[in-house]
Amino acid sequence: AGIVRLDNTLILLTTLKKGGLTAGSHYEDHFLGPDRMQWQSQTQTRRDSQIGRMLSGTDNQARFHLFVRNGKLRNGKAATFLYCGQPEFEGWEGEKPITVTWRLPAPVPDHLRPGLGIAG
């Protein structure tokens, strides 16, 4: 699952290169820069749903933890996720799915950027 909900906390598990994932899970997730990311919700998520309100920050109790990996597999095994911290909501577009722009609490380290498709 790309989103795991634990009470008021959302764990966002994001795979950037979707090759080999099931149909319907090809979300347009990518870095916009070292400290910004575009992320898409699941296709059934609406802005006025509980998850949508949590994503937008209108639920001040909501917390997020963002984990990212480049692809599903690495050397034939499940790839590990990189913890990107608790992102800050910048804005959103669309509905079912919702495209969210996040600001990361710290830039991705230089040595990890090429593997995650981050320029500069």
PDB file of N, CA and C in Angstrom:
ATOM      1  N   ALA A   1       0.842  -1.191   0.000  1.00  0.00           N
ATOM      2  CA  ALA A   1       0.000   0.000   0.000  1.00  0.00           C
ATOM      3  C   ALA A   1       0.875   1.238   0.000  1.00  0.00           C
ATOM      4  N   GLY A   2       0.499   2.252  -0.777  1.00  0.00           N
ATOM      5  CA  GLY A   2       1.264   3.486  -0.847  1.00  0.00           C
ATOM      6  C   GLY A   2       1.022   4.412   0.330  1.00  0.00           C
ATOM      7  N   ILE A   3      -0.111   4.216   1.018  1.00  0.00           N
ATOM      8  CA  ILE A   3      -0.423   5.008   2.198  1.00  0.00           C
ATOM      9  C   ILE A   3      -0.797   4.047   3.319  1.00  0.00           C
ATOM     10  N   VAL A   4      -0.132   4.208   4.445  1.00  0.00           N
ATOM     11  CA  VAL A   4      -0.492   3.446   5.630  1.00  0.00           C
ATOM     12  C   VAL A   4      -0.949   4.458   6.670  1.00  0.00           C
ATOM     13  N   ARG A   5      -2.154   4.255   7.183  1.00  0.00           N
ATOM     14  CA  ARG A   5      -2.695   5.191   8.173  1.00  0.00           C
ATOM     15  C   ARG A   5      -2.626   4.576   9.558  1.00  0.00           C
ATOM     16  N   LEU A   6      -2.035   5.301  10.481  1.00  0.00           N
ATOM     17  CA  LEU A   6      -1.974   4.925  11.891  1.00  0.00           C
ATOM     18  C   LEU A   6      -2.555   6.081  12.677  1.00  0.00           C
ATOM     19  N   ASP A   7      -3.839   5.985  13.021  1.00  0.00           N
ATOM     20  CA  ASP A   7      -4.552   7.066  13.694  1.00  0.00           C
ATOM     21  C   ASP A   7      -4.435   8.358  12.892  1.00  0.00           C
ATOM     22  N   ASN A   8      -3.737   9.378  13.423  1.00  0.00           N
ATOM     23  CA  ASN A   8      -3.593  10.668  12.732  1.00  0.00           C
ATOM     24  C   ASN A   8      -2.279  10.791  11.973  1.00  0.00           C
ATOM     25  N   THR A   9      -1.623   9.674  11.741  1.00  0.00           N
ATOM     26  CA  THR A   9      -0.353   9.678  11.027  1.00  0.00           C
ATOM     27  C   THR A   9      -0.499   8.927   9.717  1.00  0.00           C
ATOM     28  N   LEU A  10      -0.014   9.542   8.630  1.00  0.00           N
ATOM     29  CA  LEU A  10       0.025   8.877   7.333  1.00  0.00           C
ATOM     30  C   LEU A  10       1.474   8.553   6.996  1.00  0.00           C
ATOM     31  N   ILE A  11       1.733   7.301   6.688  1.00  0.00           N
ATOM     32  CA  ILE A  11       3.037   6.861   6.204  1.00  0.00           C
ATOM     33  C   ILE A  11       2.896   6.778   4.692  1.00  0.00           C
ATOM     34  N   LEU A  12       3.654   7.593   3.972  1.00  0.00           N
ATOM     35  CA  LEU A  12       3.588   7.647   2.508  1.00  0.00           C
ATOM     36  C   LEU A  12       4.773   6.875   1.953  1.00  0.00           C
ATOM     37  N   LEU A  13       4.500   5.760   1.285  1.00  0.00           N
ATOM     38  CA  LEU A  13       5.534   4.906   0.705  1.00  0.00           C
ATOM     39  C   LEU A  13       5.507   5.104  -0.805  1.00  0.00           C
ATOM     40  N   THR A  14       6.556   5.726  -1.334  1.00  0.00           N
ATOM     41  CA  THR A  14       6.563   6.158  -2.730  1.00  0.00           C
ATOM     42  C   THR A  14       7.664   5.469  -3.521  1.00  0.00           C
ATOM     43  N   THR A  15       7.282   4.816  -4.628  1.00  0.00           N
ATOM     44  CA  THR A  15       8.225   4.225  -5.570  1.00  0.00           C
ATOM     45  C   THR A  15       8.230   5.113  -6.807  1.00  0.00           C
ATOM     46  N   LEU A  16       9.388   5.663  -7.157  1.00  0.00           N
ATOM     47  CA  LEU A  16       9.465   6.611  -8.269  1.00  0.00           C
ATOM     48  C   LEU A  16       9.304   5.938  -9.627  1.00  0.00           C
ATOM     49  N   LYS A  17      10.053   4.870  -9.884  1.00  0.00           N
ATOM     50  CA  LYS A  17       9.961   4.155 -11.166  1.00  0.00           C
ATOM     51  C   LYS A  17       9.007   2.999 -10.969  1.00  0.00           C
ATOM     52  N   LYS A  18       7.873   3.061 -11.642  1.00  0.00           N
ATOM     53  CA  LYS A  18       6.783   2.133 -11.384  1.00  0.00           C
ATOM     54  C   LYS A  18       6.839   0.850 -12.194  1.00  0.00           C
ATOM     55  N   GLY A  19       7.861   0.637 -13.012  1.00  0.00           N
ATOM     56  CA  GLY A  19       7.937  -0.569 -13.831  1.00  0.00           C
ATOM     57  C   GLY A  19       7.678  -1.824 -13.014  1.00  0.00           C
ATOM     58  N   GLY A  20       6.786  -2.681 -13.521  1.00  0.00           N
ATOM     59  CA  GLY A  20       6.502  -3.934 -12.842  1.00  0.00           C
ATOM     60  C   GLY A  20       5.431  -3.844 -11.769  1.00  0.00           C
ATOM     61  N   LEU A  21       4.943  -2.645 -11.463  1.00  0.00           N
ATOM     62  CA  LEU A  21       3.868  -2.537 -10.479  1.00  0.00           C
ATOM     63  C   LEU A  21       2.533  -2.777 -11.176  1.00  0.00           C
ATOM     64  N   THR A  22       1.513  -3.107 -10.431  1.00  0.00           N
ATOM     65  CA  THR A  22       0.216  -3.444 -10.987  1.00  0.00           C
ATOM     66  C   THR A  22      -0.419  -2.256 -11.706  1.00  0.00           C
ATOM     67  N   ALA A  23      -1.292  -2.575 -12.648  1.00  0.00           N
ATOM     68  CA  ALA A  23      -2.018  -1.532 -13.382  1.00  0.00           C
ATOM     69  C   ALA A  23      -2.813  -0.689 -12.392  1.00  0.00           C
ATOM     70  N   GLY A  24      -2.883   0.603 -12.658  1.00  0.00           N
ATOM     71  CA  GLY A  24      -3.624   1.488 -11.773  1.00  0.00           C
ATOM     72  C   GLY A  24      -2.771   2.076 -10.670  1.00  0.00           C
ATOM     73  N   SER A  25      -1.504   1.678 -10.611  1.00  0.00           N
ATOM     74  CA  SER A  25      -0.630   2.211  -9.558  1.00  0.00           C
ATOM     75  C   SER A  25       0.503   3.031 -10.162  1.00  0.00           C
ATOM     76  N   HIS A  26       0.270   3.621 -11.323  1.00  0.00           N
ATOM     77  CA  HIS A  26       1.295   4.401 -12.015  1.00  0.00           C
ATOM     78  C   HIS A  26       1.095   5.887 -11.728  1.00  0.00           C
ATOM     79  N   TYR A  27       1.399   6.268 -10.519  1.00  0.00           N
ATOM     80  CA  TYR A  27       1.244   7.644 -10.097  1.00  0.00           C
ATOM     81  C   TYR A  27       2.449   8.445 -10.536  1.00  0.00           C
ATOM     82  N   GLU A  28       2.257   9.734 -10.746  1.00  0.00           N
ATOM     83  CA  GLU A  28       3.321  10.598 -11.223  1.00  0.00           C
ATOM     84  C   GLU A  28       4.047  11.228 -10.053  1.00  0.00           C
ATOM     85  N   ASP A  29       4.891  10.441  -9.425  1.00  0.00           N
ATOM     86  CA  ASP A  29       5.679  10.892  -8.281  1.00  0.00           C
ATOM     87  C   ASP A  29       7.094  11.186  -8.756  1.00  0.00           C
ATOM     88  N   HIS A  30       7.595  12.368  -8.434  1.00  0.00           N
ATOM     89  CA  HIS A  30       8.981  12.697  -8.782  1.00  0.00           C
ATOM     90  C   HIS A  30       9.431  13.921  -7.987  1.00  0.00           C
ATOM     91  N   PHE A  31      10.737  14.062  -7.894  1.00  0.00           N
ATOM     92  CA  PHE A  31      11.307  15.219  -7.214  1.00  0.00           C
ATOM     93  C   PHE A  31      11.286  16.418  -8.150  1.00  0.00           C
ATOM     94  N   LEU A  32      10.938  17.575  -7.610  1.00  0.00           N
ATOM     95  CA  LEU A  32      10.967  18.844  -8.343  1.00  0.00           C
ATOM     96  C   LEU A  32      12.283  19.564  -8.092  1.00  0.00           C
ATOM     97  N   GLY A  33      13.016  19.121  -7.105  1.00  0.00           N
ATOM     98  CA  GLY A  33      14.302  19.681  -6.698  1.00  0.00           C
ATOM     99  C   GLY A  33      14.769  18.913  -5.480  1.00  0.00           C
ATOM    100  N   PRO A  34      15.913  19.263  -4.931  1.00  0.00           N
ATOM    101  CA  PRO A  34      16.455  18.531  -3.786  1.00  0.00           C
ATOM    102  C   PRO A  34      15.576  18.556  -2.542  1.00  0.00           C
ATOM    103  N   ASP A  35      14.701  19.565  -2.432  1.00  0.00           N
ATOM    104  CA  ASP A  35      13.861  19.654  -1.233  1.00  0.00           C
ATOM    105  C   ASP A  35      12.369  19.799  -1.543  1.00  0.00           C
ATOM    106  N   ARG A  36      11.978  19.429  -2.779  1.00  0.00           N
ATOM    107  CA  ARG A  36      10.561  19.502  -3.162  1.00  0.00           C
ATOM    108  C   ARG A  36      10.184  18.258  -3.956  1.00  0.00           C
ATOM    109  N   MET A  37       8.942  17.834  -3.774  1.00  0.00           N
ATOM    110  CA  MET A  37       8.481  16.628  -4.450  1.00  0.00           C
ATOM    111  C   MET A  37       7.034  16.763  -4.886  1.00  0.00           C
ATOM    112  N   GLN A  38       6.743  16.191  -6.047  1.00  0.00           N
ATOM    113  CA  GLN A  38       5.363  16.040  -6.504  1.00  0.00           C
ATOM    114  C   GLN A  38       4.961  14.607  -6.220  1.00  0.00           C
ATOM    115  N   TRP A  39       3.815  14.445  -5.590  1.00  0.00           N
ATOM    116  CA  TRP A  39       3.327  13.128  -5.182  1.00  0.00           C
ATOM    117  C   TRP A  39       1.849  13.025  -5.515  1.00  0.00           C
ATOM    118  N   GLN A  40       1.406  11.869  -6.001  1.00  0.00           N
ATOM    119  CA  GLN A  40      -0.011  11.690  -6.303  1.00  0.00           C
ATOM    120  C   GLN A  40      -0.640  10.687  -5.356  1.00  0.00           C
ATOM    121  N   SER A  41      -1.846  11.030  -4.925  1.00  0.00           N
ATOM    122  CA  SER A  41      -2.617  10.150  -4.049  1.00  0.00           C
ATOM    123  C   SER A  41      -3.122   8.944  -4.839  1.00  0.00           C
ATOM    124  N   GLN A  42      -3.715   8.020  -4.147  1.00  0.00           N
ATOM    125  CA  GLN A  42      -4.370   6.901  -4.804  1.00  0.00           C
ATOM    126  C   GLN A  42      -5.556   7.423  -5.602  1.00  0.00           C
ATOM    127  N   THR A  43      -5.951   6.698  -6.633  1.00  0.00           N
ATOM    128  CA  THR A  43      -6.958   7.201  -7.572  1.00  0.00           C
ATOM    129  C   THR A  43      -8.332   7.424  -6.951  1.00  0.00           C
ATOM    130  N   GLN A  44      -8.628   6.787  -5.834  1.00  0.00           N
ATOM    131  CA  GLN A  44      -9.941   6.978  -5.215  1.00  0.00           C
ATOM    132  C   GLN A  44      -9.972   8.154  -4.235  1.00  0.00           C
ATOM    133  N   THR A  45      -8.827   8.795  -3.965  1.00  0.00           N
ATOM    134  CA  THR A  45      -8.772   9.851  -2.949  1.00  0.00           C
ATOM    135  C   THR A  45      -9.344  11.165  -3.463  1.00  0.00           C
ATOM    136  N   ARG A  46     -10.278  11.715  -2.697  1.00  0.00           N
ATOM    137  CA  ARG A  46     -10.882  13.014  -2.994  1.00  0.00           C
ATOM    138  C   ARG A  46     -10.403  14.031  -1.966  1.00  0.00           C
ATOM    139  N   ARG A  47     -10.442  15.295  -2.349  1.00  0.00           N
ATOM    140  CA  ARG A  47     -10.020  16.366  -1.445  1.00  0.00           C
ATOM    141  C   ARG A  47     -10.876  16.428  -0.191  1.00  0.00           C
ATOM    142  N   ASP A  48     -12.177  16.131  -0.319  1.00  0.00           N
ATOM    143  CA  ASP A  48     -13.059  16.238   0.832  1.00  0.00           C
ATOM    144  C   ASP A  48     -13.124  14.952   1.665  1.00  0.00           C
ATOM    145  N   SER A  49     -12.319  13.941   1.311  1.00  0.00           N
ATOM    146  CA  SER A  49     -12.265  12.714   2.111  1.00  0.00           C
ATOM    147  C   SER A  49     -11.385  12.950   3.342  1.00  0.00           C
ATOM    148  N   GLN A  50     -11.424  12.035   4.275  1.00  0.00           N
ATOM    149  CA  GLN A  50     -10.601  12.181   5.477  1.00  0.00           C
ATOM    150  C   GLN A  50      -9.114  12.221   5.122  1.00  0.00           C
ATOM    151  N   ILE A  51      -8.673  11.347   4.229  1.00  0.00           N
ATOM    152  CA  ILE A  51      -7.263  11.356   3.801  1.00  0.00           C
ATOM    153  C   ILE A  51      -6.955  12.677   3.101  1.00  0.00           C
ATOM    154  N   GLY A  52      -7.854  13.156   2.240  1.00  0.00           N
ATOM    155  CA  GLY A  52      -7.653  14.430   1.548  1.00  0.00           C
ATOM    156  C   GLY A  52      -7.478  15.586   2.517  1.00  0.00           C
ATOM    157  N   ARG A  53      -8.332  15.639   3.537  1.00  0.00           N
ATOM    158  CA  ARG A  53      -8.220  16.715   4.539  1.00  0.00           C
ATOM    159  C   ARG A  53      -6.906  16.595   5.313  1.00  0.00           C
ATOM    160  N   MET A  54      -6.486  15.368   5.584  1.00  0.00           N
ATOM    161  CA  MET A  54      -5.209  15.173   6.280  1.00  0.00           C
ATOM    162  C   MET A  54      -4.059  15.673   5.408  1.00  0.00           C
ATOM    163  N   LEU A  55      -4.101  15.341   4.114  1.00  0.00           N
ATOM    164  CA  LEU A  55      -3.038  15.752   3.193  1.00  0.00           C
ATOM    165  C   LEU A  55      -2.915  17.265   3.094  1.00  0.00           C
ATOM    166  N   SER A  56      -4.039  17.960   3.106  1.00  0.00           N
ATOM    167  CA  SER A  56      -4.040  19.409   2.897  1.00  0.00           C
ATOM    168  C   SER A  56      -3.587  20.204   4.110  1.00  0.00           C
ATOM    169  N   GLY A  57      -3.540  19.558   5.265  1.00  0.00           N
ATOM    170  CA  GLY A  57      -3.152  20.274   6.471  1.00  0.00           C
ATOM    171  C   GLY A  57      -4.324  20.904   7.191  1.00  0.00           C
ATOM    172  N   THR A  58      -5.558  20.731   6.690  1.00  0.00           N
ATOM    173  CA  THR A  58      -6.709  21.292   7.392  1.00  0.00           C
ATOM    174  C   THR A  58      -7.003  20.525   8.682  1.00  0.00           C
ATOM    175  N   ASP A  59      -6.471  19.310   8.772  1.00  0.00           N
ATOM    176  CA  ASP A  59      -6.550  18.534  10.013  1.00  0.00           C
ATOM    177  C   ASP A  59      -5.222  18.751  10.741  1.00  0.00           C
ATOM    178  N   ASN A  60      -5.191  19.676  11.727  1.00  0.00           N
ATOM    179  CA  ASN A  60      -3.911  20.021  12.376  1.00  0.00           C
ATOM    180  C   ASN A  60      -3.335  18.884  13.211  1.00  0.00           C
ATOM    181  N   GLN A  61      -4.095  17.848  13.437  1.00  0.00           N
ATOM    182  CA  GLN A  61      -3.576  16.697  14.182  1.00  0.00           C
ATOM    183  C   GLN A  61      -2.812  15.735  13.270  1.00  0.00           C
ATOM    184  N   ALA A  62      -2.991  15.887  11.953  1.00  0.00           N
ATOM    185  CA  ALA A  62      -2.391  14.954  10.997  1.00  0.00           C
ATOM    186  C   ALA A  62      -0.881  15.132  10.898  1.00  0.00           C
ATOM    187  N   ARG A  63      -0.184  14.026  10.795  1.00  0.00           N
ATOM    188  CA  ARG A  63       1.271  14.001  10.606  1.00  0.00           C
ATOM    189  C   ARG A  63       1.578  13.093   9.430  1.00  0.00           C
ATOM    190  N   PHE A  64       2.662  13.376   8.722  1.00  0.00           N
ATOM    191  CA  PHE A  64       3.078  12.585   7.569  1.00  0.00           C
ATOM    192  C   PHE A  64       4.518  12.172   7.742  1.00  0.00           C
ATOM    193  N   HIS A  65       4.833  11.029   7.207  1.00  0.00           N
ATOM    194  CA  HIS A  65       6.219  10.571   7.120  1.00  0.00           C
ATOM    195  C   HIS A  65       6.381  10.057   5.697  1.00  0.00           C
ATOM    196  N   LEU A  66       7.329  10.630   4.975  1.00  0.00           N
ATOM    197  CA  LEU A  66       7.536  10.303   3.565  1.00  0.00           C
ATOM    198  C   LEU A  66       8.754   9.393   3.399  1.00  0.00           C
ATOM    199  N   PHE A  67       8.521   8.265   2.732  1.00  0.00           N
ATOM    200  CA  PHE A  67       9.575   7.318   2.391  1.00  0.00           C
ATOM    201  C   PHE A  67       9.584   7.175   0.874  1.00  0.00           C
ATOM    202  N   VAL A  68      10.776   7.183   0.265  1.00  0.00           N
ATOM    203  CA  VAL A  68      10.904   7.134  -1.193  1.00  0.00           C
ATOM    204  C   VAL A  68      11.942   6.085  -1.573  1.00  0.00           C
ATOM    205  N   ARG A  69      11.674   5.393  -2.670  1.00  0.00           N
ATOM    206  CA  ARG A  69      12.678   4.510  -3.274  1.00  0.00           C
ATOM    207  C   ARG A  69      12.604   4.700  -4.778  1.00  0.00           C
ATOM    208  N   ASN A  70      13.712   4.428  -5.454  1.00  0.00           N
ATOM    209  CA  ASN A  70      13.772   4.642  -6.891  1.00  0.00           C
ATOM    210  C   ASN A  70      12.923   3.622  -7.632  1.00  0.00           C
ATOM    211  N   GLY A  71      13.073   2.351  -7.311  1.00  0.00           N
ATOM    212  CA  GLY A  71      12.328   1.287  -7.977  1.00  0.00           C
ATOM    213  C   GLY A  71      11.904   0.232  -6.983  1.00  0.00           C
ATOM    214  N   LYS A  72      11.092  -0.687  -7.444  1.00  0.00           N
ATOM    215  CA  LYS A  72      10.559  -1.729  -6.565  1.00  0.00           C
ATOM    216  C   LYS A  72      11.628  -2.733  -6.141  1.00  0.00           C
ATOM    217  N   LEU A  73      12.531  -3.065  -7.067  1.00  0.00           N
ATOM    218  CA  LEU A  73      13.550  -4.076  -6.788  1.00  0.00           C
ATOM    219  C   LEU A  73      14.957  -3.511  -6.893  1.00  0.00           C
ATOM    220  N   ARG A  74      15.851  -4.097  -6.121  1.00  0.00           N
ATOM    221  CA  ARG A  74      17.281  -3.784  -6.203  1.00  0.00           C
ATOM    222  C   ARG A  74      18.019  -5.097  -6.028  1.00  0.00           C
ATOM    223  N   ASN A  75      18.775  -5.474  -7.052  1.00  0.00           N
ATOM    224  CA  ASN A  75      19.487  -6.759  -7.060  1.00  0.00           C
ATOM    225  C   ASN A  75      18.546  -7.932  -6.820  1.00  0.00           C
ATOM    226  N   GLY A  76      17.352  -7.873  -7.420  1.00  0.00           N
ATOM    227  CA  GLY A  76      16.396  -8.955  -7.329  1.00  0.00           C
ATOM    228  C   GLY A  76      15.611  -9.034  -6.029  1.00  0.00           C
ATOM    229  N   LYS A  77      15.856  -8.123  -5.123  1.00  0.00           N
ATOM    230  CA  LYS A  77      15.145  -8.113  -3.842  1.00  0.00           C
ATOM    231  C   LYS A  77      14.393  -6.792  -3.685  1.00  0.00           C
ATOM    232  N   ALA A  78      13.454  -6.768  -2.744  1.00  0.00           N
ATOM    233  CA  ALA A  78      12.701  -5.531  -2.499  1.00  0.00           C
ATOM    234  C   ALA A  78      13.666  -4.404  -2.137  1.00  0.00           C
ATOM    235  N   ALA A  79      13.541  -3.298  -2.832  1.00  0.00           N
ATOM    236  CA  ALA A  79      14.403  -2.140  -2.569  1.00  0.00           C
ATOM    237  C   ALA A  79      13.997  -1.480  -1.253  1.00  0.00           C
ATOM    238  N   THR A  80      14.973  -0.914  -0.589  1.00  0.00           N
ATOM    239  CA  THR A  80      14.695  -0.205   0.662  1.00  0.00           C
ATOM    240  C   THR A  80      14.210   1.213   0.354  1.00  0.00           C
ATOM    241  N   PHE A  81      13.511   1.787   1.301  1.00  0.00           N
ATOM    242  CA  PHE A  81      13.011   3.147   1.179  1.00  0.00           C
ATOM    243  C   PHE A  81      13.947   4.106   1.902  1.00  0.00           C
ATOM    244  N   LEU A  82      14.076   5.314   1.371  1.00  0.00           N
ATOM    245  CA  LEU A  82      14.821   6.404   1.991  1.00  0.00           C
ATOM    246  C   LEU A  82      13.821   7.259   2.766  1.00  0.00           C
ATOM    247  N   TYR A  83      14.080   7.496   4.029  1.00  0.00           N
ATOM    248  CA  TYR A  83      13.190   8.340   4.829  1.00  0.00           C
ATOM    249  C   TYR A  83      13.486   9.803   4.508  1.00  0.00           C
ATOM    250  N   CYS A  84      12.465  10.523   4.065  1.00  0.00           N
ATOM    251  CA  CYS A  84      12.611  11.942   3.690  1.00  0.00           C
ATOM    252  C   CYS A  84      12.020  12.887   4.728  1.00  0.00           C
ATOM    253  N   GLY A  85      11.629  12.374   5.873  1.00  0.00           N
ATOM    254  CA  GLY A  85      11.137  13.221   6.948  1.00  0.00           C
ATOM    255  C   GLY A  85       9.654  13.499   6.866  1.00  0.00           C
ATOM    256  N   GLN A  86       9.258  14.560   7.559  1.00  0.00           N
ATOM    257  CA  GLN A  86       7.864  14.987   7.604  1.00  0.00           C
ATOM    258  C   GLN A  86       7.704  16.167   6.654  1.00  0.00           C
ATOM    259  N   PRO A  87       7.198  15.915   5.441  1.00  0.00           N
ATOM    260  CA  PRO A  87       7.092  16.994   4.462  1.00  0.00           C
ATOM    261  C   PRO A  87       6.013  18.000   4.834  1.00  0.00           C
ATOM    262  N   GLU A  88       6.173  19.199   4.299  1.00  0.00           N
ATOM    263  CA  GLU A  88       5.202  20.275   4.501  1.00  0.00           C
ATOM    264  C   GLU A  88       4.367  20.430   3.234  1.00  0.00           C
ATOM    265  N   PHE A  89       3.069  20.487   3.391  1.00  0.00           N
ATOM    266  CA  PHE A  89       2.139  20.655   2.273  1.00  0.00           C
ATOM    267  C   PHE A  89       2.343  22.040   1.659  1.00  0.00           C
ATOM    268  N   GLU A  90       2.546  22.096   0.324  1.00  0.00           N
ATOM    269  CA  GLU A  90       2.658  23.379  -0.383  1.00  0.00           C
ATOM    270  C   GLU A  90       1.415  23.689  -1.207  1.00  0.00           C
ATOM    271  N   GLY A  91       0.827  22.659  -1.785  1.00  0.00           N
ATOM    272  CA  GLY A  91      -0.352  22.888  -2.611  1.00  0.00           C
ATOM    273  C   GLY A  91      -0.809  21.592  -3.253  1.00  0.00           C
ATOM    274  N   TRP A  92      -1.969  21.662  -3.912  1.00  0.00           N
ATOM    275  CA  TRP A  92      -2.484  20.483  -4.592  1.00  0.00           C
ATOM    276  C   TRP A  92      -3.311  20.861  -5.793  1.00  0.00           C
ATOM    277  N   GLU A  93      -3.493  19.875  -6.693  1.00  0.00           N
ATOM    278  CA  GLU A  93      -4.288  20.035  -7.908  1.00  0.00           C
ATOM    279  C   GLU A  93      -5.063  18.748  -8.139  1.00  0.00           C
ATOM    280  N   GLY A  94      -6.179  18.876  -8.796  1.00  0.00           N
ATOM    281  CA  GLY A  94      -6.910  17.710  -9.255  1.00  0.00           C
ATOM    282  C   GLY A  94      -7.700  16.976  -8.189  1.00  0.00           C
ATOM    283  N   GLU A  95      -8.228  15.859  -8.630  1.00  0.00           N
ATOM    284  CA  GLU A  95      -9.121  15.046  -7.808  1.00  0.00           C
ATOM    285  C   GLU A  95      -9.069  13.626  -8.358  1.00  0.00           C
ATOM    286  N   LYS A  96      -8.937  12.650  -7.491  1.00  0.00           N
ATOM    287  CA  LYS A  96      -8.983  11.236  -7.859  1.00  0.00           C
ATOM    288  C   LYS A  96      -8.065  10.897  -9.023  1.00  0.00           C
ATOM    289  N   PRO A  97      -6.778  11.029  -9.009  1.00  0.00           N
ATOM    290  CA  PRO A  97      -5.948  11.315  -7.839  1.00  0.00           C
ATOM    291  C   PRO A  97      -5.724  12.808  -7.628  1.00  0.00           C
ATOM    292  N   ILE A  98      -5.232  13.127  -6.443  1.00  0.00           N
ATOM    293  CA  ILE A  98      -4.833  14.487  -6.090  1.00  0.00           C
ATOM    294  C   ILE A  98      -3.320  14.572  -6.269  1.00  0.00           C
ATOM    295  N   THR A  99      -2.859  15.601  -6.950  1.00  0.00           N
ATOM    296  CA  THR A  99      -1.423  15.823  -7.106  1.00  0.00           C
ATOM    297  C   THR A  99      -0.996  16.839  -6.047  1.00  0.00           C
ATOM    298  N   VAL A 100      -0.126  16.408  -5.147  1.00  0.00           N
ATOM    299  CA  VAL A 100       0.313  17.233  -4.022  1.00  0.00           C
ATOM    300  C   VAL A 100       1.767  17.649  -4.238  1.00  0.00           C
ATOM    301  N   THR A 101       2.079  18.894  -3.878  1.00  0.00           N
ATOM    302  CA  THR A 101       3.463  19.351  -3.861  1.00  0.00           C
ATOM    303  C   THR A 101       3.892  19.448  -2.402  1.00  0.00           C
ATOM    304  N   TRP A 102       4.996  18.789  -2.085  1.00  0.00           N
ATOM    305  CA  TRP A 102       5.552  18.761  -0.727  1.00  0.00           C
ATOM    306  C   TRP A 102       6.885  19.490  -0.677  1.00  0.00           C
ATOM    307  N   ARG A 103       7.160  20.141   0.437  1.00  0.00           N
ATOM    308  CA  ARG A 103       8.492  20.679   0.724  1.00  0.00           C
ATOM    309  C   ARG A 103       9.079  19.775   1.794  1.00  0.00           C
ATOM    310  N   LEU A 104      10.273  19.258   1.525  1.00  0.00           N
ATOM    311  CA  LEU A 104      10.934  18.370   2.475  1.00  0.00           C
ATOM    312  C   LEU A 104      11.601  19.185   3.578  1.00  0.00           C
ATOM    313  N   PRO A 105      11.731  18.633   4.772  1.00  0.00           N
ATOM    314  CA  PRO A 105      12.354  19.372   5.867  1.00  0.00           C
ATOM    315  C   PRO A 105      13.841  19.616   5.647  1.00  0.00           C
ATOM    316  N   ALA A 106      14.470  18.792   4.803  1.00  0.00           N
ATOM    317  CA  ALA A 106      15.899  18.954   4.475  1.00  0.00           C
ATOM    318  C   ALA A 106      16.117  18.429   3.063  1.00  0.00           C
ATOM    319  N   PRO A 107      17.053  19.015   2.323  1.00  0.00           N
ATOM    320  CA  PRO A 107      17.334  18.521   0.973  1.00  0.00           C
ATOM    321  C   PRO A 107      17.869  17.089   1.011  1.00  0.00           C
ATOM    322  N   VAL A 108      17.569  16.335  -0.040  1.00  0.00           N
ATOM    323  CA  VAL A 108      18.130  14.997  -0.192  1.00  0.00           C
ATOM    324  C   VAL A 108      19.652  15.156  -0.313  1.00  0.00           C
ATOM    325  N   PRO A 109      20.433  14.345   0.395  1.00  0.00           N
ATOM    326  CA  PRO A 109      21.896  14.454   0.316  1.00  0.00           C
ATOM    327  C   PRO A 109      22.406  14.318  -1.125  1.00  0.00           C
ATOM    328  N   ASP A 110      23.458  15.060  -1.431  1.00  0.00           N
ATOM    329  CA  ASP A 110      24.025  15.097  -2.783  1.00  0.00           C
ATOM    330  C   ASP A 110      24.266  13.708  -3.364  1.00  0.00           C
ATOM    331  N   HIS A 111      24.830  12.811  -2.599  1.00  0.00           N
ATOM    332  CA  HIS A 111      25.215  11.497  -3.138  1.00  0.00           C
ATOM    333  C   HIS A 111      24.012  10.611  -3.478  1.00  0.00           C
ATOM    334  N   LEU A 112      22.828  10.943  -2.991  1.00  0.00           N
ATOM    335  CA  LEU A 112      21.624  10.159  -3.291  1.00  0.00           C
ATOM    336  C   LEU A 112      20.812  10.742  -4.446  1.00  0.00           C
ATOM    337  N   ARG A 113      21.097  11.963  -4.825  1.00  0.00           N
ATOM    338  CA  ARG A 113      20.289  12.657  -5.831  1.00  0.00           C
ATOM    339  C   ARG A 113      20.284  11.983  -7.202  1.00  0.00           C
ATOM    340  N   PRO A 114      21.437  11.576  -7.765  1.00  0.00           N
ATOM    341  CA  PRO A 114      21.392  10.962  -9.091  1.00  0.00           C
ATOM    342  C   PRO A 114      20.501   9.716  -9.130  1.00  0.00           C
ATOM    343  N   GLY A 115      20.543   8.885  -8.128  1.00  0.00           N
ATOM    344  CA  GLY A 115      19.750   7.662  -8.098  1.00  0.00           C
ATOM    345  C   GLY A 115      18.253   7.910  -7.955  1.00  0.00           C
ATOM    346  N   LEU A 116      17.886   9.105  -7.516  1.00  0.00           N
ATOM    347  CA  LEU A 116      16.470   9.446  -7.361  1.00  0.00           C
ATOM    348  C   LEU A 116      15.986  10.406  -8.462  1.00  0.00           C
ATOM    349  N   GLY A 117      16.855  10.648  -9.437  1.00  0.00           N
ATOM    350  CA  GLY A 117      16.472  11.506 -10.566  1.00  0.00           C
ATOM    351  C   GLY A 117      16.400  12.972 -10.223  1.00  0.00           C
ATOM    352  N   ILE A 118      17.182  13.406  -9.237  1.00  0.00           N
ATOM    353  CA  ILE A 118      17.167  14.807  -8.830  1.00  0.00           C
ATOM    354  C   ILE A 118      18.333  15.535  -9.490  1.00  0.00           C
ATOM    355  N   ALA A 119      18.026  16.543 -10.290  1.00  0.00           N
ATOM    356  CA  ALA A 119      19.069  17.341 -10.928  1.00  0.00           C
ATOM    357  C   ALA A 119      19.542  18.427  -9.970  1.00  0.00           C
ATOM    358  N   GLY A 120      20.804  18.785 -10.098  1.00  0.00           N
ATOM    359  CA  GLY A 120      21.336  19.900  -9.333  1.00  0.00           C
ATOM    360  C   GLY A 120      21.532  19.571  -7.931  1.00  0.00           C
TER     361      GLY A 120
END
